[in-house]
PDB file of N, CA and C in Angstrom:
ATOM      1  N   MET A   1       0.816  -1.147  -0.052  1.00  0.00           N
ATOM      2  CA  MET A   1      -0.026   0.012   0.009  1.00  0.00           C
ATOM      3  C   MET A   1       0.927   1.230  -0.048  1.00  0.00           C
ATOM      4  N   LYS A   2       0.483   2.238  -0.747  1.00  0.00           N
ATOM      5  CA  LYS A   2       1.272   3.500  -0.898  1.00  0.00           C
ATOM      6  C   LYS A   2       1.247   4.262   0.403  1.00  0.00           C
ATOM      7  N   LEU A   3       2.284   5.048   0.667  1.00  0.00           N
ATOM      8  CA  LEU A   3       2.336   5.865   1.880  1.00  0.00           C
ATOM      9  C   LEU A   3       1.211   6.857   1.927  1.00  0.00           C
ATOM     10  N   ARG A   4       0.916   7.583   0.843  1.00  0.00           N
ATOM     11  CA  ARG A   4      -0.094   8.531   0.782  1.00  0.00           C
ATOM     12  C   ARG A   4      -1.489   7.976   1.250  1.00  0.00           C
ATOM     13  N   LYS A   5      -1.810   6.774   0.719  1.00  0.00           N
ATOM     14  CA  LYS A   5      -3.073   6.094   1.035  1.00  0.00           C
ATOM     15  C   LYS A   5      -3.097   5.666   2.549  1.00  0.00           C
ATOM     16  N   LEU A   6      -1.902   5.187   3.028  1.00  0.00           N
ATOM     17  CA  LEU A   6      -1.813   4.881   4.407  1.00  0.00           C
ATOM     18  C   LEU A   6      -2.103   6.002   5.382  1.00  0.00           C
ATOM     19  N   ILE A   7      -1.467   7.158   5.039  1.00  0.00           N
ATOM     20  CA  ILE A   7      -1.607   8.357   5.894  1.00  0.00           C
ATOM     21  C   ILE A   7      -3.091   8.771   5.822  1.00  0.00           C
ATOM     22  N   LYS A   8      -3.690   8.790   4.638  1.00  0.00           N
ATOM     23  CA  LYS A   8      -5.129   9.148   4.522  1.00  0.00           C
ATOM     24  C   LYS A   8      -5.976   8.219   5.424  1.00  0.00           C
ATOM     25  N   LEU A   9      -5.670   6.925   5.373  1.00  0.00           N
ATOM     26  CA  LEU A   9      -6.467   5.977   6.220  1.00  0.00           C
ATOM     27  C   LEU A   9      -6.253   6.240   7.702  1.00  0.00           C
ATOM     28  N   LEU A  10      -4.993   6.519   8.126  1.00  0.00           N
ATOM     29  CA  LEU A  10      -4.678   6.724   9.512  1.00  0.00           C
ATOM     30  C   LEU A  10      -5.351   8.047  10.047  1.00  0.00           C
ATOM     31  N   TYR A  11      -5.352   9.024   9.203  1.00  0.00           N
ATOM     32  CA  TYR A  11      -5.924  10.311   9.658  1.00  0.00           C
ATOM     33  C   TYR A  11      -7.445  10.446   9.463  1.00  0.00           C
ATOM     34  N   ASP A  12      -7.992   9.491   8.659  1.00  0.00           N
ATOM     35  CA  ASP A  12      -9.432   9.454   8.396  1.00  0.00           C
ATOM     36  C   ASP A  12      -9.931  10.901   8.070  1.00  0.00           C
ATOM     37  N   ASP A  13     -10.677  11.486   9.039  1.00  0.00           N
ATOM     38  CA  ASP A  13     -11.261  12.849   8.799  1.00  0.00           C
ATOM     39  C   ASP A  13     -10.471  13.960   9.396  1.00  0.00           C
ATOM     40  N   LYS A  14      -9.375  13.555  10.042  1.00  0.00           N
ATOM     41  CA  LYS A  14      -8.577  14.544  10.756  1.00  0.00           C
ATOM     42  C   LYS A  14      -7.683  15.235   9.711  1.00  0.00           C
ATOM     43  N   THR A  15      -7.175  16.453   9.991  1.00  0.00           N
ATOM     44  CA  THR A  15      -6.268  17.197   9.189  1.00  0.00           C
ATOM     45  C   THR A  15      -4.871  16.565   9.238  1.00  0.00           C
ATOM     46  N   ILE A  16      -4.307  16.337   8.064  1.00  0.00           N
ATOM     47  CA  ILE A  16      -2.974  15.767   8.007  1.00  0.00           C
ATOM     48  C   ILE A  16      -1.981  16.921   8.160  1.00  0.00           C
ATOM     49  N   PRO A  17      -0.990  16.845   9.089  1.00  0.00           N
ATOM     50  CA  PRO A  17      -0.049  17.948   9.335  1.00  0.00           C
ATOM     51  C   PRO A  17       0.715  18.325   7.985  1.00  0.00           C
ATOM     52  N   CYS A  18       0.956  19.550   7.906  1.00  0.00           N
ATOM     53  CA  CYS A  18       1.531  20.139   6.691  1.00  0.00           C
ATOM     54  C   CYS A  18       2.890  19.539   6.370  1.00  0.00           C
ATOM     55  N   ASP A  19       3.771  19.211   7.464  1.00  0.00           N
ATOM     56  CA  ASP A  19       5.068  18.738   7.172  1.00  0.00           C
ATOM     57  C   ASP A  19       4.963  17.261   6.626  1.00  0.00           C
ATOM     58  N   ILE A  20       3.874  16.574   6.955  1.00  0.00           N
ATOM     59  CA  ILE A  20       3.695  15.240   6.405  1.00  0.00           C
ATOM     60  C   ILE A  20       3.280  15.327   4.958  1.00  0.00           C
ATOM     61  N   ILE A  21       2.376  16.266   4.712  1.00  0.00           N
ATOM     62  CA  ILE A  21       1.989  16.523   3.273  1.00  0.00           C
ATOM     63  C   ILE A  21       3.180  16.902   2.434  1.00  0.00           C
ATOM     64  N   ASP A  22       4.050  17.804   2.981  1.00  0.00           N
ATOM     65  CA  ASP A  22       5.275  18.198   2.273  1.00  0.00           C
ATOM     66  C   ASP A  22       6.156  16.970   1.989  1.00  0.00           C
ATOM     67  N   PHE A  23       6.325  16.166   3.005  1.00  0.00           N
ATOM     68  CA  PHE A  23       7.122  14.942   2.845  1.00  0.00           C
ATOM     69  C   PHE A  23       6.577  13.992   1.771  1.00  0.00           C
ATOM     70  N   LEU A  24       5.271  13.778   1.800  1.00  0.00           N
ATOM     71  CA  LEU A  24       4.653  12.870   0.764  1.00  0.00           C
ATOM     72  C   LEU A  24       4.821  13.436  -0.689  1.00  0.00           C
ATOM     73  N   ASN A  25       4.985  14.846  -0.780  1.00  0.00           N
ATOM     74  CA  ASN A  25       5.103  15.432  -2.048  1.00  0.00           C
ATOM     75  C   ASN A  25       6.585  15.528  -2.500  1.00  0.00           C
ATOM     76  N   ASP A  26       7.483  15.353  -1.569  1.00  0.00           N
ATOM     77  CA  ASP A  26       8.941  15.437  -1.882  1.00  0.00           C
ATOM     78  C   ASP A  26       9.320  14.230  -2.744  1.00  0.00           C
ATOM     79  N   ASP A  27      10.372  14.468  -3.628  1.00  0.00           N
ATOM     80  CA  ASP A  27      10.848  13.331  -4.505  1.00  0.00           C
ATOM     81  C   ASP A  27      11.905  12.498  -3.742  1.00  0.00           C
ATOM     82  N   TYR A  28      11.891  11.309  -4.103  1.00  0.00           N
ATOM     83  CA  TYR A  28      12.855  10.297  -3.611  1.00  0.00           C
ATOM     84  C   TYR A  28      13.418   9.614  -4.872  1.00  0.00           C
ATOM     85  N   GLU A  29      14.748   9.424  -4.845  1.00  0.00           N
ATOM     86  CA  GLU A  29      15.374   8.692  -5.889  1.00  0.00           C
ATOM     87  C   GLU A  29      15.613   7.195  -5.546  1.00  0.00           C
ATOM     88  N   SER A  30      14.873   6.328  -6.193  1.00  0.00           N
ATOM     89  CA  SER A  30      14.979   4.940  -5.894  1.00  0.00           C
ATOM     90  C   SER A  30      15.796   4.249  -7.042  1.00  0.00           C
ATOM     91  N   ASN A  31      16.656   3.307  -6.622  1.00  0.00           N
ATOM     92  CA  ASN A  31      17.422   2.540  -7.635  1.00  0.00           C
ATOM     93  C   ASN A  31      16.487   1.824  -8.569  1.00  0.00           C
ATOM     94  N   SER A  32      15.391   1.301  -8.067  1.00  0.00           N
ATOM     95  CA  SER A  32      14.512   0.505  -8.961  1.00  0.00           C
ATOM     96  C   SER A  32      13.420   1.303  -9.650  1.00  0.00           C
ATOM     97  N   LEU A  33      12.936   2.421  -9.019  1.00  0.00           N
ATOM     98  CA  LEU A  33      11.853   3.157  -9.491  1.00  0.00           C
ATOM     99  C   LEU A  33      12.227   4.510 -10.206  1.00  0.00           C
ATOM    100  N   GLY A  34      13.459   4.985  -9.986  1.00  0.00           N
ATOM    101  CA  GLY A  34      13.824   6.273 -10.429  1.00  0.00           C
ATOM    102  C   GLY A  34      13.339   7.383  -9.459  1.00  0.00           C
ATOM    103  N   PHE A  35      12.900   8.554  -9.928  1.00  0.00           N
ATOM    104  CA  PHE A  35      12.339   9.572  -9.065  1.00  0.00           C
ATOM    105  C   PHE A  35      10.915   9.391  -8.947  1.00  0.00           C
ATOM    106  N   VAL A  36      10.531   9.322  -7.699  1.00  0.00           N
ATOM    107  CA  VAL A  36       9.063   9.251  -7.363  1.00  0.00           C
ATOM    108  C   VAL A  36       8.786  10.072  -6.059  1.00  0.00           C
ATOM    109  N   SER A  37       7.541  10.488  -5.868  1.00  0.00           N
ATOM    110  CA  SER A  37       7.291  11.118  -4.583  1.00  0.00           C
ATOM    111  C   SER A  37       7.143  10.114  -3.527  1.00  0.00           C
ATOM    112  N   TYR A  38       7.436  10.531  -2.332  1.00  0.00           N
ATOM    113  CA  TYR A  38       7.370   9.548  -1.177  1.00  0.00           C
ATOM    114  C   TYR A  38       5.955   9.056  -1.037  1.00  0.00           C
ATOM    115  N   GLY A  39       4.977   9.850  -1.381  1.00  0.00           N
ATOM    116  CA  GLY A  39       3.585   9.430  -1.231  1.00  0.00           C
ATOM    117  C   GLY A  39       3.256   8.262  -2.147  1.00  0.00           C
ATOM    118  N   GLU A  40       3.975   8.086  -3.219  1.00  0.00           N
ATOM    119  CA  GLU A  40       3.753   7.004  -4.196  1.00  0.00           C
ATOM    120  C   GLU A  40       4.549   5.779  -3.994  1.00  0.00           C
ATOM    121  N   ILE A  41       5.381   5.761  -2.957  1.00  0.00           N
ATOM    122  CA  ILE A  41       6.158   4.614  -2.617  1.00  0.00           C
ATOM    123  C   ILE A  41       5.357   3.646  -1.791  1.00  0.00           C
ATOM    124  N   ASP A  42       5.494   2.387  -2.034  1.00  0.00           N
ATOM    125  CA  ASP A  42       4.888   1.393  -1.258  1.00  0.00           C
ATOM    126  C   ASP A  42       5.584   1.309   0.180  1.00  0.00           C
ATOM    127  N   LEU A  43       4.782   1.019   1.164  1.00  0.00           N
ATOM    128  CA  LEU A  43       5.331   0.986   2.526  1.00  0.00           C
ATOM    129  C   LEU A  43       6.460   0.079   2.672  1.00  0.00           C
ATOM    130  N   VAL A  44       6.366  -1.132   2.092  1.00  0.00           N
ATOM    131  CA  VAL A  44       7.453  -2.122   2.282  1.00  0.00           C
ATOM    132  C   VAL A  44       8.738  -1.617   1.573  1.00  0.00           C
ATOM    133  N   HIS A  45       8.576  -1.006   0.403  1.00  0.00           N
ATOM    134  CA  HIS A  45       9.734  -0.442  -0.322  1.00  0.00           C
ATOM    135  C   HIS A  45      10.402   0.695   0.514  1.00  0.00           C
ATOM    136  N   TYR A  46       9.576   1.524   1.105  1.00  0.00           N
ATOM    137  CA  TYR A  46      10.106   2.616   2.003  1.00  0.00           C
ATOM    138  C   TYR A  46      10.847   2.046   3.157  1.00  0.00           C
ATOM    139  N   ILE A  47      10.274   1.044   3.831  1.00  0.00           N
ATOM    140  CA  ILE A  47      10.961   0.468   5.042  1.00  0.00           C
ATOM    141  C   ILE A  47      12.331  -0.160   4.592  1.00  0.00           C
ATOM    142  N   ARG A  48      12.268  -0.933   3.487  1.00  0.00           N
ATOM    143  CA  ARG A  48      13.540  -1.571   3.065  1.00  0.00           C
ATOM    144  C   ARG A  48      14.552  -0.563   2.703  1.00  0.00           C
ATOM    145  N   ALA A  49      14.160   0.525   2.009  1.00  0.00           N
ATOM    146  CA  ALA A  49      15.132   1.590   1.651  1.00  0.00           C
ATOM    147  C   ALA A  49      15.792   2.194   2.875  1.00  0.00           C
ATOM    148  N   ASN A  50      14.898   2.451   3.906  1.00  0.00           N
ATOM    149  CA  ASN A  50      15.395   3.046   5.095  1.00  0.00           C
ATOM    150  C   ASN A  50      16.292   2.102   5.866  1.00  0.00           C
ATOM    151  N   LEU A  51      15.967   0.813   5.912  1.00  0.00           N
ATOM    152  CA  LEU A  51      16.835  -0.160   6.586  1.00  0.00           C
ATOM    153  C   LEU A  51      18.224  -0.119   5.933  1.00  0.00           C
ATOM    154  N   LYS A  52      18.271  -0.093   4.571  1.00  0.00           N
ATOM    155  CA  LYS A  52      19.543  -0.070   3.860  1.00  0.00           C
ATOM    156  C   LYS A  52      20.298   1.200   4.227  1.00  0.00           C
ATOM    157  N   HIS A  53      19.573   2.272   4.245  1.00  0.00           N
ATOM    158  CA  HIS A  53      20.256   3.635   4.527  1.00  0.00           C
ATOM    159  C   HIS A  53      20.805   3.600   5.997  1.00  0.00           C
ATOM    160  N   PHE A  54      20.024   3.113   6.963  1.00  0.00           N
ATOM    161  CA  PHE A  54      20.495   3.033   8.331  1.00  0.00           C
ATOM    162  C   PHE A  54      21.702   2.106   8.491  1.00  0.00           C
ATOM    163  N   LYS A  55      21.678   1.029   7.763  1.00  0.00           N
ATOM    164  CA  LYS A  55      22.916   0.082   7.852  1.00  0.00           C
ATOM    165  C   LYS A  55      24.091   0.851   7.230  1.00  0.00           C
ATOM    166  N   GLU A  56      23.966   1.576   6.197  1.00  0.00           N
ATOM    167  CA  GLU A  56      25.099   2.341   5.581  1.00  0.00           C
ATOM    168  C   GLU A  56      25.605   3.340   6.637  1.00  0.00           C
ATOM    169  N   ILE A  57      24.681   4.041   7.277  1.00  0.00           N
ATOM    170  CA  ILE A  57      25.130   5.018   8.302  1.00  0.00           C
ATOM    171  C   ILE A  57      25.778   4.407   9.433  1.00  0.00           C
ATOM    172  N   ASN A  58      25.299   3.203   9.890  1.00  0.00           N
ATOM    173  CA  ASN A  58      25.843   2.501  11.018  1.00  0.00           C
ATOM    174  C   ASN A  58      27.220   2.011  10.647  1.00  0.00           C
ATOM    175  N   ASN A  59      27.438   1.478   9.434  1.00  0.00           N
ATOM    176  CA  ASN A  59      28.749   1.012   8.943  1.00  0.00           C
ATOM    177  C   ASN A  59      29.783   2.169   8.924  1.00  0.00           C
ATOM    178  N   LYS A  60      29.374   3.332   8.410  1.00  0.00           N
ATOM    179  CA  LYS A  60      30.210   4.476   8.377  1.00  0.00           C
ATOM    180  C   LYS A  60      30.668   4.910   9.763  1.00  0.00           C
ATOM    181  N   SER A  61      29.670   4.910  10.635  1.00  0.00           N
ATOM    182  CA  SER A  61      29.977   5.262  12.053  1.00  0.00           C
ATOM    183  C   SER A  61      30.930   4.297  12.689  1.00  0.00           C
ATOM    184  N   TYR A  62      30.774   3.011  12.436  1.00  0.00           N
ATOM    185  CA  TYR A  62      31.592   1.980  12.927  1.00  0.00           C
ATOM    186  C   TYR A  62      33.072   2.195  12.475  1.00  0.00           C
ATOM    187  N   MET A  63      33.157   2.492  11.093  1.00  0.00           N
ATOM    188  CA  MET A  63      34.478   2.694  10.545  1.00  0.00           C
ATOM    189  C   MET A  63      35.147   3.878  11.129  1.00  0.00           C
ATOM    190  N   ILE A  64      34.451   4.993  11.335  1.00  0.00           N
ATOM    191  CA  ILE A  64      34.987   6.172  11.960  1.00  0.00           C
ATOM    192  C   ILE A  64      35.481   5.820  13.387  1.00  0.00           C
ATOM    193  N   ASN A  65      34.641   5.137  14.185  1.00  0.00           N
ATOM    194  CA  ASN A  65      34.984   4.758  15.492  1.00  0.00           C
ATOM    195  C   ASN A  65      36.212   3.838  15.570  1.00  0.00           C
ATOM    196  N   ALA A  66      36.282   2.870  14.614  1.00  0.00           N
ATOM    197  CA  ALA A  66      37.427   1.920  14.498  1.00  0.00           C
ATOM    198  C   ALA A  66      38.717   2.699  14.212  1.00  0.00           C
ATOM    199  N   ASN A  67      38.592   3.675  13.304  1.00  0.00           N
ATOM    200  CA  ASN A  67      39.791   4.519  12.968  1.00  0.00           C
ATOM    201  C   ASN A  67      40.258   5.353  14.161  1.00  0.00           C
ATOM    202  N   LYS A  68      39.288   5.876  14.877  1.00  0.00           N
ATOM    203  CA  LYS A  68      39.670   6.680  16.083  1.00  0.00           C
ATOM    204  C   LYS A  68      40.296   5.799  17.156  1.00  0.00           C
ATOM    205  N   LEU A  69      39.778   4.612  17.289  1.00  0.00           N
ATOM    206  CA  LEU A  69      40.358   3.698  18.258  1.00  0.00           C
ATOM    207  C   LEU A  69      41.774   3.291  17.911  1.00  0.00           C
ATOM    208  N   LYS A  70      42.040   3.103  16.636  1.00  0.00           N
ATOM    209  CA  LYS A  70      43.408   2.786  16.202  1.00  0.00           C
ATOM    210  C   LYS A  70      44.342   3.968  16.455  1.00  0.00           C
ATOM    211  N   GLU A  71      43.804   5.175  16.219  1.00  0.00           N
ATOM    212  CA  GLU A  71      44.509   6.409  16.479  1.00  0.00           C
ATOM    213  C   GLU A  71      44.883   6.559  17.924  1.00  0.00           C
ATOM    214  N   ILE A  72      43.940   6.307  18.771  1.00  0.00           N
ATOM    215  CA  ILE A  72      44.210   6.370  20.230  1.00  0.00           C
ATOM    216  C   ILE A  72      45.152   5.333  20.721  1.00  0.00           C
ATOM    217  N   GLU A  73      45.030   4.117  20.174  1.00  0.00           N
ATOM    218  CA  GLU A  73      45.906   3.076  20.515  1.00  0.00           C
ATOM    219  C   GLU A  73      47.361   3.402  20.126  1.00  0.00           C
ATOM    220  N   SER A  74      47.547   3.960  18.995  1.00  0.00           N
ATOM    221  CA  SER A  74      48.906   4.349  18.518  1.00  0.00           C
ATOM    222  C   SER A  74      49.506   5.409  19.405  1.00  0.00           C
ATOM    223  N   ILE A  75      48.654   6.273  19.893  1.00  0.00           N
ATOM    224  CA  ILE A  75      49.227   7.394  20.761  1.00  0.00           C
ATOM    225  C   ILE A  75      49.581   6.783  22.152  1.00  0.00           C
ATOM    226  N   ILE A  76      48.774   5.893  22.661  1.00  0.00           N
ATOM    227  CA  ILE A  76      49.033   5.229  23.926  1.00  0.00           C
ATOM    228  C   ILE A  76      50.267   4.335  23.841  1.00  0.00           C
ATOM    229  N   ASN A  77      50.407   3.641  22.765  1.00  0.00           N
ATOM    230  CA  ASN A  77      51.569   2.746  22.651  1.00  0.00           C
ATOM    231  C   ASN A  77      52.923   3.403  22.311  1.00  0.00           C
ATOM    232  N   LYS A  78      52.935   4.726  22.163  1.00  0.00           N
ATOM    233  CA  LYS A  78      54.199   5.453  21.848  1.00  0.00           C
ATOM    234  C   LYS A  78      55.042   5.572  23.069  1.00  0.00           C
TER     235      LYS A  78
END
């Protein structure tokens, strides 16, 4: 189910916050879909894309921390 449809279902007759509407209208570049608005992305596709993104961020953070640890160890061992 598309994100826009899910949000409409969740909010039923309530007003959807403007930042959510802006988000749904923003473009997202997908490797498989090209450029699409977030509102037109299927929920499962959105979750999987974010999982991939979070793993990349976590790996970069780990690499930075590992490099800092090596730097600290080299200073201590001098």
